[in-house]
């Protein structure tokens, strides 16, 4: 599984986030620029964000504000 949601674009590497169970500021930056670039997300993208919230145990403050 390279990406949780294929429509999120190639710039967001989900496997690295999932393997590390960590979301860092640079990950939030990429997610923000990919998902909210054109407005609200698709259902798949929203499901991806929920999955990341559940999977990741180490979350930076940027993620808390973003999520």
C-alpha atoms as a PDB file:
ATOM      1  CA  UNK A   1       0.000   0.000   0.000  1.00  0.00           C
ATOM      2  CA  UNK A   2       1.768   3.131  -1.197  1.00  0.00           C
ATOM      3  CA  UNK A   3      -1.014   5.556  -0.328  1.00  0.00           C
ATOM      4  CA  UNK A   4      -4.128   5.136   1.737  1.00  0.00           C
ATOM      5  CA  UNK A   5      -6.097   7.296  -0.678  1.00  0.00           C
ATOM      6  CA  UNK A   6      -4.746   7.319  -4.246  1.00  0.00           C
ATOM      7  CA  UNK A   7      -6.425  10.647  -5.021  1.00  0.00           C
ATOM      8  CA  UNK A   8      -4.245  12.424  -2.465  1.00  0.00           C
ATOM      9  CA  UNK A   9      -1.400  12.850  -4.930  1.00  0.00           C
ATOM     10  CA  UNK A  10       2.149  11.573  -5.136  1.00  0.00           C
ATOM     11  CA  UNK A  11       3.565  14.194  -2.789  1.00  0.00           C
ATOM     12  CA  UNK A  12       2.143  12.551   0.305  1.00  0.00           C
ATOM     13  CA  UNK A  13       3.911   9.321   1.204  1.00  0.00           C
ATOM     14  CA  UNK A  14       1.545   7.588   3.566  1.00  0.00           C
ATOM     15  CA  UNK A  15       3.702   4.521   4.139  1.00  0.00           C
ATOM     16  CA  UNK A  16       6.351   6.581   5.931  1.00  0.00           C
ATOM     17  CA  UNK A  17       3.754   8.124   8.226  1.00  0.00           C
ATOM     18  CA  UNK A  18       2.108   4.765   8.911  1.00  0.00           C
ATOM     19  CA  UNK A  19       5.390   2.936   9.552  1.00  0.00           C
ATOM     20  CA  UNK A  20       6.629   5.577  11.951  1.00  0.00           C
ATOM     21  CA  UNK A  21       3.181   6.088  13.554  1.00  0.00           C
ATOM     22  CA  UNK A  22       4.254   9.704  13.707  1.00  0.00           C
ATOM     23  CA  UNK A  23       2.972  12.875  12.090  1.00  0.00           C
ATOM     24  CA  UNK A  24       5.510  15.689  11.956  1.00  0.00           C
ATOM     25  CA  UNK A  25       5.137  19.318  10.812  1.00  0.00           C
ATOM     26  CA  UNK A  26       6.473  18.544   7.310  1.00  0.00           C
ATOM     27  CA  UNK A  27       3.811  15.809   6.954  1.00  0.00           C
ATOM     28  CA  UNK A  28       1.065  18.247   7.931  1.00  0.00           C
ATOM     29  CA  UNK A  29       2.420  20.765   5.430  1.00  0.00           C
ATOM     30  CA  UNK A  30       2.244  18.166   2.623  1.00  0.00           C
ATOM     31  CA  UNK A  31      -1.221  17.003   3.655  1.00  0.00           C
ATOM     32  CA  UNK A  32      -2.523  20.555   3.877  1.00  0.00           C
ATOM     33  CA  UNK A  33      -1.163  21.428   0.429  1.00  0.00           C
ATOM     34  CA  UNK A  34      -2.537  18.233  -1.106  1.00  0.00           C
ATOM     35  CA  UNK A  35      -5.925  17.860   0.530  1.00  0.00           C
ATOM     36  CA  UNK A  36      -7.080  21.436   1.036  1.00  0.00           C
ATOM     37  CA  UNK A  37      -5.423  22.816  -2.087  1.00  0.00           C
ATOM     38  CA  UNK A  38      -8.755  23.105  -3.908  1.00  0.00           C
ATOM     39  CA  UNK A  39     -11.087  23.239  -0.922  1.00  0.00           C
ATOM     40  CA  UNK A  40     -12.702  20.471   1.081  1.00  0.00           C
ATOM     41  CA  UNK A  41     -11.655  16.885   0.588  1.00  0.00           C
ATOM     42  CA  UNK A  42     -13.213  13.828  -0.961  1.00  0.00           C
ATOM     43  CA  UNK A  43     -14.697  11.123   1.238  1.00  0.00           C
ATOM     44  CA  UNK A  44     -11.575   8.994   0.643  1.00  0.00           C
ATOM     45  CA  UNK A  45      -9.295  11.807   1.731  1.00  0.00           C
ATOM     46  CA  UNK A  46     -11.368  12.454   4.843  1.00  0.00           C
ATOM     47  CA  UNK A  47     -11.227   8.736   5.691  1.00  0.00           C
ATOM     48  CA  UNK A  48      -7.451   8.887   5.301  1.00  0.00           C
ATOM     49  CA  UNK A  49      -7.183  11.712   7.829  1.00  0.00           C
ATOM     50  CA  UNK A  50      -9.333   9.778  10.302  1.00  0.00           C
ATOM     51  CA  UNK A  51      -7.163   6.676   9.777  1.00  0.00           C
ATOM     52  CA  UNK A  52      -3.987   8.673  10.393  1.00  0.00           C
ATOM     53  CA  UNK A  53      -5.496  10.083  13.587  1.00  0.00           C
ATOM     54  CA  UNK A  54      -6.181   6.539  14.815  1.00  0.00           C
ATOM     55  CA  UNK A  55      -2.892   4.967  13.667  1.00  0.00           C
ATOM     56  CA  UNK A  56      -0.394   7.599  14.733  1.00  0.00           C
ATOM     57  CA  UNK A  57       0.582   7.761  18.368  1.00  0.00           C
ATOM     58  CA  UNK A  58       3.094  10.609  17.988  1.00  0.00           C
ATOM     59  CA  UNK A  59       1.360  13.740  16.702  1.00  0.00           C
ATOM     60  CA  UNK A  60       2.864  17.208  16.507  1.00  0.00           C
ATOM     61  CA  UNK A  61       0.911  20.311  17.536  1.00  0.00           C
ATOM     62  CA  UNK A  62       0.456  21.212  13.857  1.00  0.00           C
ATOM     63  CA  UNK A  63      -1.497  17.983  13.343  1.00  0.00           C
ATOM     64  CA  UNK A  64      -3.746  18.716  16.320  1.00  0.00           C
ATOM     65  CA  UNK A  65      -4.595  22.128  14.842  1.00  0.00           C
ATOM     66  CA  UNK A  66      -4.998  20.671  11.342  1.00  0.00           C
ATOM     67  CA  UNK A  67      -7.127  17.675  12.269  1.00  0.00           C
END
